[in-house]
Amino acid sequence: VLEKLQQDEGLSGFLADGFDAASHTSATLARSSAAASAQTLHDGIRTLEATLREEVLQRHDELLAQSGSLKEMESLLAVVRAGVGSLQATVSRVKGEISEPYQAAAARTRQLASLSAAVSLLQRVTRVLKLAGRLRQSLGGGASADLPKAAKTLAEVAAVREEGGGELGGVKCVAEHDAFFAQAGREVRSRAREALQQGLASLSQAEVGSALQVYYNLGELPQTVEALLAERQAEAARCVADALDATKLTADRSGAGGKARLQEALWARLAAGSERLHGVAMSVWHLQRVLAKKRDPISHALFLEEVAPPGAGPGA
């Protein structure tokens, strides 16, 4: 059909992509009269109708088959639409049936989580209050207070607080014991340090071992031993510096017999410095001896290995 239209000079213009009715009319009237142009259009219309009729007659069976297929497709489409509608209704109904139990389960889950958190907090509060009572009992004996037990209790309090992530700070009954815990910590450390110094001075293994047990229970044994060794090292340096202090030696030799007095003062200061240095060395040796023997009664950990783990370098 298109080929016939393209071959017809009167109708080929209608197939152009940019067809403009006004321009086409003006051009046609310029070539011929209105009557002739109208006749040409009527002839073209009749030709087109005849051609279409012929095309329909030739493809009558094919068009009928396609028409049947279209009707069948419309039926199938109607069935599919009905199925989709039924499926949507079912999904909506199932969604409604599931949504309510899900919301209820979610609410119960949140409720259970809150209840679990409250129970956990209550357990930690109860634990702290019990530890406070135990700590008062440990320190209630005055001079005979059980310092290692008190130190162990303080360490447990710190662990419970750390486990709570700061939640216990907002509990009034726990906050009321904060000042007591702080004071107890200072007292335990002060008395343990005093006992440690006295034990090192008298070379008492029992005093030194008890003091070291306090620091072990507090979790501060390595830091305490390191600080103590640093003090002894500084004390040894002061002993040597004092013994060889030129200013003090010059002051000691004033008067008659200056050289003899200088030698006498030097030997006296060296003897005193050596005595002090010997005391420092003995205290360090005694500390090492107790560390090498003392073990924690519960974990059986050797204190020397806690301070200097096996395989650690000299600076560990």
C-alpha atoms as a PDB file:
ATOM      1  CA  VAL A   1       0.000   0.000   0.000  1.00  0.00           C
ATOM      2  CA  LEU A   2       2.792   2.376   0.922  1.00  0.00           C
ATOM      3  CA  GLU A   3       4.578   1.687  -2.341  1.00  0.00           C
ATOM      4  CA  LYS A   4       1.449   2.608  -4.309  1.00  0.00           C
ATOM      5  CA  LEU A   5       0.996   5.801  -2.327  1.00  0.00           C
ATOM      6  CA  GLN A   6       4.648   6.768  -2.841  1.00  0.00           C
ATOM      7  CA  GLN A   7       4.314   6.219  -6.596  1.00  0.00           C
ATOM      8  CA  ASP A   8       1.201   8.438  -6.759  1.00  0.00           C
ATOM      9  CA  GLU A   9       2.329  12.057  -7.263  1.00  0.00           C
ATOM     10  CA  GLY A  10      -0.885  13.421  -5.765  1.00  0.00           C
ATOM     11  CA  LEU A  11      -0.644  11.359  -2.586  1.00  0.00           C
ATOM     12  CA  SER A  12       3.117  10.952  -2.032  1.00  0.00           C
ATOM     13  CA  GLY A  13       3.305  14.358  -0.312  1.00  0.00           C
ATOM     14  CA  PHE A  14       1.069  13.132   2.485  1.00  0.00           C
ATOM     15  CA  LEU A  15       3.767  10.580   3.485  1.00  0.00           C
ATOM     16  CA  ALA A  16       6.458  13.191   4.177  1.00  0.00           C
ATOM     17  CA  ASP A  17       7.693  13.368   7.809  1.00  0.00           C
ATOM     18  CA  GLY A  18       7.298  17.148   8.013  1.00  0.00           C
ATOM     19  CA  PHE A  19       3.904  17.307   6.251  1.00  0.00           C
ATOM     20  CA  ASP A  20       2.202  20.711   6.653  1.00  0.00           C
ATOM     21  CA  ALA A  21      -1.450  20.913   5.505  1.00  0.00           C
ATOM     22  CA  ALA A  22      -1.402  24.706   4.874  1.00  0.00           C
ATOM     23  CA  SER A  23       1.776  24.584   2.823  1.00  0.00           C
ATOM     24  CA  HIS A  24       0.578  21.602   0.820  1.00  0.00           C
ATOM     25  CA  THR A  25      -2.773  23.309   0.081  1.00  0.00           C
ATOM     26  CA  SER A  26      -1.071  26.518  -1.050  1.00  0.00           C
ATOM     27  CA  ALA A  27       1.301  24.630  -3.352  1.00  0.00           C
ATOM     28  CA  THR A  28      -1.515  22.563  -4.857  1.00  0.00           C
ATOM     29  CA  LEU A  29      -3.711  25.614  -5.585  1.00  0.00           C
ATOM     30  CA  ALA A  30      -0.715  27.320  -7.160  1.00  0.00           C
ATOM     31  CA  ARG A  31      -0.342  24.476  -9.668  1.00  0.00           C
ATOM     32  CA  SER A  32      -4.042  23.949 -10.484  1.00  0.00           C
ATOM     33  CA  SER A  33      -7.531  25.159  -9.728  1.00  0.00           C
ATOM     34  CA  ALA A  34      -9.471  24.281  -6.628  1.00  0.00           C
ATOM     35  CA  ALA A  35     -11.906  22.065  -8.531  1.00  0.00           C
ATOM     36  CA  ALA A  36      -9.103  20.110 -10.183  1.00  0.00           C
ATOM     37  CA  SER A  37      -7.294  19.706  -6.890  1.00  0.00           C
ATOM     38  CA  ALA A  38     -10.448  18.521  -5.164  1.00  0.00           C
ATOM     39  CA  GLN A  39     -11.062  15.991  -7.910  1.00  0.00           C
ATOM     40  CA  THR A  40      -7.523  14.729  -7.615  1.00  0.00           C
ATOM     41  CA  LEU A  41      -7.968  14.289  -3.859  1.00  0.00           C
ATOM     42  CA  HIS A  42     -11.250  12.417  -4.338  1.00  0.00           C
ATOM     43  CA  ASP A  43      -9.590  10.134  -6.884  1.00  0.00           C
ATOM     44  CA  GLY A  44      -6.732   9.494  -4.438  1.00  0.00           C
ATOM     45  CA  ILE A  45      -9.169   8.706  -1.645  1.00  0.00           C
ATOM     46  CA  ARG A  46     -11.020   6.239  -3.831  1.00  0.00           C
ATOM     47  CA  THR A  47      -7.730   4.666  -4.869  1.00  0.00           C
ATOM     48  CA  LEU A  48      -6.654   4.369  -1.216  1.00  0.00           C
ATOM     49  CA  GLU A  49     -10.001   2.825  -0.210  1.00  0.00           C
ATOM     50  CA  ALA A  50      -9.784   0.332  -3.052  1.00  0.00           C
ATOM     51  CA  THR A  51      -6.251  -0.585  -2.169  1.00  0.00           C
ATOM     52  CA  LEU A  52      -7.141  -1.080   1.515  1.00  0.00           C
ATOM     53  CA  ARG A  53     -10.167  -3.173   0.582  1.00  0.00           C
ATOM     54  CA  GLU A  54      -8.015  -5.327  -1.663  1.00  0.00           C
ATOM     55  CA  GLU A  55      -5.397  -5.698   1.104  1.00  0.00           C
ATOM     56  CA  VAL A  56      -8.051  -6.710   3.631  1.00  0.00           C
ATOM     57  CA  LEU A  57      -9.543  -9.266   1.241  1.00  0.00           C
ATOM     58  CA  GLN A  58      -6.138 -10.772   0.528  1.00  0.00           C
ATOM     59  CA  ARG A  59      -5.265 -11.064   4.242  1.00  0.00           C
ATOM     60  CA  HIS A  60      -8.757 -11.921   5.462  1.00  0.00           C
ATOM     61  CA  ASP A  61      -7.824 -15.278   7.026  1.00  0.00           C
ATOM     62  CA  GLU A  62      -4.693 -13.878   8.689  1.00  0.00           C
ATOM     63  CA  LEU A  63      -6.613 -10.930  10.133  1.00  0.00           C
ATOM     64  CA  LEU A  64      -9.281 -13.246  11.491  1.00  0.00           C
ATOM     65  CA  ALA A  65      -6.608 -15.432  13.135  1.00  0.00           C
ATOM     66  CA  GLN A  66      -4.965 -12.390  14.707  1.00  0.00           C
ATOM     67  CA  SER A  67      -8.326 -11.156  15.892  1.00  0.00           C
ATOM     68  CA  GLY A  68      -8.935 -14.517  17.584  1.00  0.00           C
ATOM     69  CA  SER A  69      -5.503 -14.344  19.179  1.00  0.00           C
ATOM     70  CA  LEU A  70      -6.248 -10.890  20.500  1.00  0.00           C
ATOM     71  CA  LYS A  71      -9.486 -12.089  22.052  1.00  0.00           C
ATOM     72  CA  GLU A  72      -7.657 -15.031  23.612  1.00  0.00           C
ATOM     73  CA  MET A  73      -4.968 -12.700  24.947  1.00  0.00           C
ATOM     74  CA  GLU A  74      -7.655 -10.414  26.379  1.00  0.00           C
ATOM     75  CA  SER A  75      -9.165 -13.409  28.167  1.00  0.00           C
ATOM     76  CA  LEU A  76      -5.793 -14.491  29.508  1.00  0.00           C
ATOM     77  CA  LEU A  77      -5.080 -10.934  30.586  1.00  0.00           C
ATOM     78  CA  ALA A  78      -8.398 -10.797  32.422  1.00  0.00           C
ATOM     79  CA  VAL A  79      -7.506 -14.053  34.219  1.00  0.00           C
ATOM     80  CA  VAL A  80      -4.074 -12.708  35.142  1.00  0.00           C
ATOM     81  CA  ARG A  81      -5.577  -9.463  36.405  1.00  0.00           C
ATOM     82  CA  ALA A  82      -8.031 -11.398  38.527  1.00  0.00           C
ATOM     83  CA  GLY A  83      -5.177 -13.546  39.911  1.00  0.00           C
ATOM     84  CA  VAL A  84      -3.080 -10.488  40.681  1.00  0.00           C
ATOM     85  CA  GLY A  85      -6.018  -8.865  42.453  1.00  0.00           C
ATOM     86  CA  SER A  86      -6.612 -12.012  44.494  1.00  0.00           C
ATOM     87  CA  LEU A  87      -2.907 -12.222  45.330  1.00  0.00           C
ATOM     88  CA  GLN A  88      -2.824  -8.588  46.436  1.00  0.00           C
ATOM     89  CA  ALA A  89      -5.831  -9.141  48.647  1.00  0.00           C
ATOM     90  CA  THR A  90      -4.203 -12.234  50.170  1.00  0.00           C
ATOM     91  CA  VAL A  91      -0.942 -10.362  50.779  1.00  0.00           C
ATOM     92  CA  SER A  92      -2.806  -7.510  52.449  1.00  0.00           C
ATOM     93  CA  ARG A  93      -4.705  -9.956  54.655  1.00  0.00           C
ATOM     94  CA  VAL A  94      -1.532 -11.860  55.604  1.00  0.00           C
ATOM     95  CA  LYS A  95       0.292  -8.598  56.267  1.00  0.00           C
ATOM     96  CA  GLY A  96      -2.499  -7.527  58.598  1.00  0.00           C
ATOM     97  CA  GLU A  97      -2.454 -10.911  60.359  1.00  0.00           C
ATOM     98  CA  ILE A  98       1.361 -10.828  60.816  1.00  0.00           C
ATOM     99  CA  SER A  99       1.765  -7.152  61.643  1.00  0.00           C
ATOM    100  CA  GLU A 100      -0.128  -7.237  64.926  1.00  0.00           C
ATOM    101  CA  PRO A 101       1.750 -10.270  66.394  1.00  0.00           C
ATOM    102  CA  TYR A 102       5.047  -8.783  65.173  1.00  0.00           C
ATOM    103  CA  GLN A 103       4.359  -5.478  66.882  1.00  0.00           C
ATOM    104  CA  ALA A 104       3.395  -7.306  70.054  1.00  0.00           C
ATOM    105  CA  ALA A 105       6.550  -9.456  69.920  1.00  0.00           C
ATOM    106  CA  ALA A 106       8.718  -6.384  69.295  1.00  0.00           C
ATOM    107  CA  ALA A 107       7.153  -4.592  72.263  1.00  0.00           C
ATOM    108  CA  ARG A 108       7.693  -7.627  74.497  1.00  0.00           C
ATOM    109  CA  THR A 109      11.302  -7.885  73.304  1.00  0.00           C
ATOM    110  CA  ARG A 110      11.975  -4.252  74.195  1.00  0.00           C
ATOM    111  CA  GLN A 111      10.265  -4.801  77.525  1.00  0.00           C
ATOM    112  CA  LEU A 112      12.397  -7.875  78.209  1.00  0.00           C
ATOM    113  CA  ALA A 113      15.597  -5.995  77.298  1.00  0.00           C
ATOM    114  CA  SER A 114      14.698  -3.166  79.676  1.00  0.00           C
ATOM    115  CA  LEU A 115      13.839  -5.645  82.418  1.00  0.00           C
ATOM    116  CA  SER A 116      17.123  -7.498  81.874  1.00  0.00           C
ATOM    117  CA  ALA A 117      19.094  -4.230  82.070  1.00  0.00           C
ATOM    118  CA  ALA A 118      17.263  -3.271  85.267  1.00  0.00           C
ATOM    119  CA  VAL A 119      17.958  -6.668  86.850  1.00  0.00           C
ATOM    120  CA  SER A 120      21.631  -6.464  85.858  1.00  0.00           C
ATOM    121  CA  LEU A 121      21.909  -2.974  87.354  1.00  0.00           C
ATOM    122  CA  LEU A 122      20.176  -4.112  90.545  1.00  0.00           C
ATOM    123  CA  GLN A 123      22.588  -7.034  90.844  1.00  0.00           C
ATOM    124  CA  ARG A 124      25.589  -4.707  90.521  1.00  0.00           C
ATOM    125  CA  VAL A 125      24.114  -2.292  93.077  1.00  0.00           C
ATOM    126  CA  THR A 126      23.547  -5.160  95.513  1.00  0.00           C
ATOM    127  CA  ARG A 127      27.091  -6.366  94.890  1.00  0.00           C
ATOM    128  CA  VAL A 128      28.574  -2.921  95.586  1.00  0.00           C
ATOM    129  CA  LEU A 129      26.579  -2.563  98.810  1.00  0.00           C
ATOM    130  CA  LYS A 130      27.743  -5.976 100.007  1.00  0.00           C
ATOM    131  CA  LEU A 131      31.346  -5.072  99.141  1.00  0.00           C
ATOM    132  CA  ALA A 132      30.990  -1.815 101.077  1.00  0.00           C
ATOM    133  CA  GLY A 133      29.942  -3.787 104.160  1.00  0.00           C
ATOM    134  CA  ARG A 134      32.813  -6.231 103.712  1.00  0.00           C
ATOM    135  CA  LEU A 135      35.281  -3.364 103.312  1.00  0.00           C
ATOM    136  CA  ARG A 136      34.094  -1.711 106.538  1.00  0.00           C
ATOM    137  CA  GLN A 137      34.524  -5.011 108.312  1.00  0.00           C
ATOM    138  CA  SER A 138      38.050  -5.491 106.915  1.00  0.00           C
ATOM    139  CA  LEU A 139      39.156  -2.028 108.018  1.00  0.00           C
ATOM    140  CA  GLY A 140      37.280  -2.051 111.327  1.00  0.00           C
ATOM    141  CA  GLY A 141      40.068  -3.689 113.281  1.00  0.00           C
ATOM    142  CA  GLY A 142      42.255  -0.591 113.455  1.00  0.00           C
ATOM    143  CA  ALA A 143      45.894  -1.654 113.599  1.00  0.00           C
ATOM    144  CA  SER A 144      44.862  -5.283 113.071  1.00  0.00           C
ATOM    145  CA  ALA A 145      42.873  -4.502 109.913  1.00  0.00           C
ATOM    146  CA  ASP A 146      43.031  -7.105 107.143  1.00  0.00           C
ATOM    147  CA  LEU A 147      44.683  -4.948 104.454  1.00  0.00           C
ATOM    148  CA  PRO A 148      45.008  -7.673 101.776  1.00  0.00           C
ATOM    149  CA  LYS A 149      41.290  -8.487 102.112  1.00  0.00           C
ATOM    150  CA  ALA A 150      40.398  -4.785 102.006  1.00  0.00           C
ATOM    151  CA  ALA A 151      42.530  -4.351  98.867  1.00  0.00           C
ATOM    152  CA  LYS A 152      40.804  -7.323  97.237  1.00  0.00           C
ATOM    153  CA  THR A 153      37.427  -5.775  98.044  1.00  0.00           C
ATOM    154  CA  LEU A 154      38.460  -2.411  96.561  1.00  0.00           C
ATOM    155  CA  ALA A 155      39.557  -4.147  93.366  1.00  0.00           C
ATOM    156  CA  GLU A 156      36.183  -5.930  93.143  1.00  0.00           C
ATOM    157  CA  VAL A 157      34.357  -2.623  93.613  1.00  0.00           C
ATOM    158  CA  ALA A 158      36.383  -1.094  90.766  1.00  0.00           C
ATOM    159  CA  ALA A 159      35.624  -4.102  88.536  1.00  0.00           C
ATOM    160  CA  VAL A 160      31.861  -3.890  89.226  1.00  0.00           C
ATOM    161  CA  ARG A 161      31.889  -0.153  88.468  1.00  0.00           C
ATOM    162  CA  GLU A 162      33.801  -0.697  85.220  1.00  0.00           C
ATOM    163  CA  GLU A 163      31.397  -3.479  84.205  1.00  0.00           C
ATOM    164  CA  GLY A 164      28.480  -1.098  84.645  1.00  0.00           C
ATOM    165  CA  GLY A 165      29.981   1.446  82.242  1.00  0.00           C
ATOM    166  CA  GLY A 166      29.264   4.372  84.550  1.00  0.00           C
ATOM    167  CA  GLU A 167      25.618   3.407  85.210  1.00  0.00           C
ATOM    168  CA  LEU A 168      26.232   3.040  88.950  1.00  0.00           C
ATOM    169  CA  GLY A 169      27.222   6.693  89.224  1.00  0.00           C
ATOM    170  CA  GLY A 170      23.579   7.718  88.980  1.00  0.00           C
ATOM    171  CA  VAL A 171      22.367   5.368  91.741  1.00  0.00           C
ATOM    172  CA  LYS A 172      21.961   7.308  94.971  1.00  0.00           C
ATOM    173  CA  CYS A 173      22.610   4.448  97.397  1.00  0.00           C
ATOM    174  CA  VAL A 174      25.883   3.675  95.588  1.00  0.00           C
ATOM    175  CA  ALA A 175      26.957   7.308  95.316  1.00  0.00           C
ATOM    176  CA  GLU A 176      26.597   7.611  99.094  1.00  0.00           C
ATOM    177  CA  HIS A 177      29.533   5.195  99.475  1.00  0.00           C
ATOM    178  CA  ASP A 178      31.857   6.944  96.997  1.00  0.00           C
ATOM    179  CA  ALA A 179      33.576   9.030  99.669  1.00  0.00           C
ATOM    180  CA  PHE A 180      34.073   5.929 101.832  1.00  0.00           C
ATOM    181  CA  PHE A 181      35.580   3.965  98.942  1.00  0.00           C
ATOM    182  CA  ALA A 182      37.973   6.816  98.118  1.00  0.00           C
ATOM    183  CA  GLN A 183      39.045   7.218 101.756  1.00  0.00           C
ATOM    184  CA  ALA A 184      39.465   3.445 102.130  1.00  0.00           C
ATOM    185  CA  GLY A 185      41.645   3.331  99.017  1.00  0.00           C
ATOM    186  CA  ARG A 186      43.923   6.071 100.349  1.00  0.00           C
ATOM    187  CA  GLU A 187      44.136   4.405 103.770  1.00  0.00           C
ATOM    188  CA  VAL A 188      44.933   0.958 102.375  1.00  0.00           C
ATOM    189  CA  ARG A 189      47.655   2.298 100.076  1.00  0.00           C
ATOM    190  CA  SER A 190      49.167   4.493 102.802  1.00  0.00           C
ATOM    191  CA  ARG A 191      49.327   1.681 105.345  1.00  0.00           C
ATOM    192  CA  ALA A 192      50.631  -0.786 102.763  1.00  0.00           C
ATOM    193  CA  ARG A 193      53.418   1.619 101.762  1.00  0.00           C
ATOM    194  CA  GLU A 194      54.330   2.194 105.410  1.00  0.00           C
ATOM    195  CA  ALA A 195      54.449  -1.558 106.043  1.00  0.00           C
ATOM    196  CA  LEU A 196      56.538  -2.089 102.904  1.00  0.00           C
ATOM    197  CA  GLN A 197      59.082   0.558 103.919  1.00  0.00           C
ATOM    198  CA  GLN A 198      59.308  -0.828 107.451  1.00  0.00           C
ATOM    199  CA  GLY A 199      59.677  -4.382 106.182  1.00  0.00           C
ATOM    200  CA  LEU A 200      62.481  -3.392 103.807  1.00  0.00           C
ATOM    201  CA  ALA A 201      64.251  -1.486 106.577  1.00  0.00           C
ATOM    202  CA  SER A 202      64.032  -4.395 109.030  1.00  0.00           C
ATOM    203  CA  LEU A 203      64.398  -7.085 106.312  1.00  0.00           C
ATOM    204  CA  SER A 204      61.117  -8.645 107.456  1.00  0.00           C
ATOM    205  CA  GLN A 205      59.791 -11.071 104.880  1.00  0.00           C
ATOM    206  CA  ALA A 206      56.373 -11.199 106.554  1.00  0.00           C
ATOM    207  CA  GLU A 207      55.820  -7.430 106.442  1.00  0.00           C
ATOM    208  CA  VAL A 208      57.108  -7.073 102.895  1.00  0.00           C
ATOM    209  CA  GLY A 209      55.094 -10.072 101.709  1.00  0.00           C
ATOM    210  CA  SER A 210      51.893  -8.766 103.301  1.00  0.00           C
ATOM    211  CA  ALA A 211      52.394  -5.309 101.781  1.00  0.00           C
ATOM    212  CA  LEU A 212      53.108  -6.778  98.341  1.00  0.00           C
ATOM    213  CA  GLN A 213      49.944  -8.891  98.658  1.00  0.00           C
ATOM    214  CA  VAL A 214      47.964  -5.683  99.173  1.00  0.00           C
ATOM    215  CA  TYR A 215      49.363  -4.158  95.991  1.00  0.00           C
ATOM    216  CA  TYR A 216      48.821  -7.416  94.091  1.00  0.00           C
ATOM    217  CA  ASN A 217      45.164  -7.486  95.148  1.00  0.00           C
ATOM    218  CA  LEU A 218      44.802  -3.875  94.046  1.00  0.00           C
ATOM    219  CA  GLY A 219      46.292  -4.782  90.655  1.00  0.00           C
ATOM    220  CA  GLU A 220      49.160  -2.340  91.221  1.00  0.00           C
ATOM    221  CA  LEU A 221      52.083  -4.660  92.018  1.00  0.00           C
ATOM    222  CA  PRO A 222      54.239  -4.018  88.896  1.00  0.00           C
ATOM    223  CA  GLN A 223      53.802  -0.222  89.134  1.00  0.00           C
ATOM    224  CA  THR A 224      54.572  -0.227  92.868  1.00  0.00           C
ATOM    225  CA  VAL A 225      57.753  -2.293  92.507  1.00  0.00           C
ATOM    226  CA  GLU A 226      58.919  -0.149  89.588  1.00  0.00           C
ATOM    227  CA  ALA A 227      58.358   3.051  91.583  1.00  0.00           C
ATOM    228  CA  LEU A 228      60.142   1.561  94.621  1.00  0.00           C
ATOM    229  CA  LEU A 229      63.172   0.532  92.561  1.00  0.00           C
ATOM    230  CA  ALA A 230      63.299   4.019  91.042  1.00  0.00           C
ATOM    231  CA  GLU A 231      63.341   5.483  94.561  1.00  0.00           C
ATOM    232  CA  ARG A 232      66.141   3.136  95.629  1.00  0.00           C
ATOM    233  CA  GLN A 233      68.131   3.996  92.519  1.00  0.00           C
ATOM    234  CA  ALA A 234      67.780   7.703  93.234  1.00  0.00           C
ATOM    235  CA  GLU A 235      68.743   7.091  96.897  1.00  0.00           C
ATOM    236  CA  ALA A 236      71.892   5.226  95.820  1.00  0.00           C
ATOM    237  CA  ALA A 237      72.852   8.098  93.530  1.00  0.00           C
ATOM    238  CA  ARG A 238      72.350  10.563  96.406  1.00  0.00           C
ATOM    239  CA  CYS A 239      74.568   8.437  98.702  1.00  0.00           C
ATOM    240  CA  VAL A 240      77.461   8.596  96.266  1.00  0.00           C
ATOM    241  CA  ALA A 241      76.907  12.292  95.522  1.00  0.00           C
ATOM    242  CA  ASP A 242      76.788  13.208  99.229  1.00  0.00           C
ATOM    243  CA  ALA A 243      79.911  11.204 100.008  1.00  0.00           C
ATOM    244  CA  LEU A 244      81.901  12.965  97.278  1.00  0.00           C
ATOM    245  CA  ASP A 245      80.399  16.433  97.682  1.00  0.00           C
ATOM    246  CA  ALA A 246      83.408  18.794  97.438  1.00  0.00           C
ATOM    247  CA  THR A 247      81.588  21.629  99.158  1.00  0.00           C
ATOM    248  CA  LYS A 248      80.872  19.591 102.272  1.00  0.00           C
ATOM    249  CA  LEU A 249      84.399  18.116 102.273  1.00  0.00           C
ATOM    250  CA  THR A 250      85.906  21.622 102.179  1.00  0.00           C
ATOM    251  CA  ALA A 251      83.718  22.695 105.086  1.00  0.00           C
ATOM    252  CA  ASP A 252      84.751  19.627 107.112  1.00  0.00           C
ATOM    253  CA  ARG A 253      88.532  20.278 106.773  1.00  0.00           C
ATOM    254  CA  SER A 254      88.425  23.863 108.122  1.00  0.00           C
ATOM    255  CA  GLY A 255      90.913  24.595 110.902  1.00  0.00           C
ATOM    256  CA  ALA A 256      94.376  23.237 111.692  1.00  0.00           C
ATOM    257  CA  GLY A 257      95.671  20.156 109.938  1.00  0.00           C
ATOM    258  CA  GLY A 258      93.610  20.824 106.867  1.00  0.00           C
ATOM    259  CA  LYS A 259      94.934  17.918 104.777  1.00  0.00           C
ATOM    260  CA  ALA A 260      94.624  15.385 107.561  1.00  0.00           C
ATOM    261  CA  ARG A 261      91.168  16.624 108.400  1.00  0.00           C
ATOM    262  CA  LEU A 262      90.231  16.431 104.700  1.00  0.00           C
ATOM    263  CA  GLN A 263      91.313  12.802 104.521  1.00  0.00           C
ATOM    264  CA  GLU A 264      89.532  12.037 107.751  1.00  0.00           C
ATOM    265  CA  ALA A 265      86.339  13.751 106.539  1.00  0.00           C
ATOM    266  CA  LEU A 266      86.540  11.973 103.186  1.00  0.00           C
ATOM    267  CA  TRP A 267      86.877   8.557 104.793  1.00  0.00           C
ATOM    268  CA  ALA A 268      84.121   9.360 107.263  1.00  0.00           C
ATOM    269  CA  ARG A 269      81.761  10.433 104.491  1.00  0.00           C
ATOM    270  CA  LEU A 270      82.705   7.429 102.366  1.00  0.00           C
ATOM    271  CA  ALA A 271      82.009   5.141 105.319  1.00  0.00           C
ATOM    272  CA  ALA A 272      78.641   6.792 105.954  1.00  0.00           C
ATOM    273  CA  GLY A 273      77.782   6.714 102.240  1.00  0.00           C
ATOM    274  CA  SER A 274      78.811   3.086 101.990  1.00  0.00           C
ATOM    275  CA  GLU A 275      76.629   2.257 104.964  1.00  0.00           C
ATOM    276  CA  ARG A 276      73.662   3.981 103.379  1.00  0.00           C
ATOM    277  CA  LEU A 277      74.421   2.385 100.007  1.00  0.00           C
ATOM    278  CA  HIS A 278      74.637  -1.004 101.689  1.00  0.00           C
ATOM    279  CA  GLY A 279      71.232  -0.428 103.248  1.00  0.00           C
ATOM    280  CA  VAL A 280      69.747   0.489  99.861  1.00  0.00           C
ATOM    281  CA  ALA A 281      71.272  -2.584  98.212  1.00  0.00           C
ATOM    282  CA  MET A 282      70.051  -4.839 101.028  1.00  0.00           C
ATOM    283  CA  SER A 283      66.510  -3.504 100.723  1.00  0.00           C
ATOM    284  CA  VAL A 284      66.508  -4.165  96.969  1.00  0.00           C
ATOM    285  CA  TRP A 285      67.949  -7.633  97.493  1.00  0.00           C
ATOM    286  CA  HIS A 286      65.369  -8.343 100.181  1.00  0.00           C
ATOM    287  CA  LEU A 287      62.574  -7.144  97.888  1.00  0.00           C
ATOM    288  CA  GLN A 288      63.794  -9.459  95.135  1.00  0.00           C
ATOM    289  CA  ARG A 289      64.016 -12.371  97.581  1.00  0.00           C
ATOM    290  CA  VAL A 290      60.417 -11.904  98.755  1.00  0.00           C
ATOM    291  CA  LEU A 291      59.155 -11.487  95.180  1.00  0.00           C
ATOM    292  CA  ALA A 292      60.873 -14.732  94.202  1.00  0.00           C
ATOM    293  CA  LYS A 293      59.179 -16.636  97.060  1.00  0.00           C
ATOM    294  CA  LYS A 294      55.772 -15.002  97.469  1.00  0.00           C
ATOM    295  CA  ARG A 295      52.756 -16.449  95.648  1.00  0.00           C
ATOM    296  CA  ASP A 296      49.137 -15.394  95.636  1.00  0.00           C
ATOM    297  CA  PRO A 297      47.226 -17.878  97.840  1.00  0.00           C
ATOM    298  CA  ILE A 298      44.295 -18.065  95.391  1.00  0.00           C
ATOM    299  CA  SER A 299      45.816 -17.972  91.901  1.00  0.00           C
ATOM    300  CA  HIS A 300      49.259 -19.227  93.015  1.00  0.00           C
ATOM    301  CA  ALA A 301      50.820 -16.622  90.743  1.00  0.00           C
ATOM    302  CA  LEU A 302      54.474 -15.932  91.559  1.00  0.00           C
ATOM    303  CA  PHE A 303      54.943 -12.245  92.340  1.00  0.00           C
ATOM    304  CA  LEU A 304      58.316 -12.081  90.587  1.00  0.00           C
ATOM    305  CA  GLU A 305      56.725 -13.294  87.352  1.00  0.00           C
ATOM    306  CA  GLU A 306      53.982 -10.675  87.735  1.00  0.00           C
ATOM    307  CA  VAL A 307      56.618  -7.936  88.018  1.00  0.00           C
ATOM    308  CA  ALA A 308      59.020  -9.348  85.397  1.00  0.00           C
ATOM    309  CA  PRO A 309      57.262 -11.903  83.174  1.00  0.00           C
ATOM    310  CA  PRO A 310      59.447 -14.745  81.819  1.00  0.00           C
ATOM    311  CA  GLY A 311      61.131 -13.774  78.568  1.00  0.00           C
ATOM    312  CA  ALA A 312      60.845 -10.050  79.247  1.00  0.00           C
ATOM    313  CA  GLY A 313      63.948  -7.931  78.693  1.00  0.00           C
ATOM    314  CA  PRO A 314      65.967  -6.264  81.457  1.00  0.00           C
ATOM    315  CA  GLY A 315      63.956  -3.066  81.082  1.00  0.00           C
ATOM    316  CA  ALA A 316      60.593  -4.791  81.519  1.00  0.00           C
END
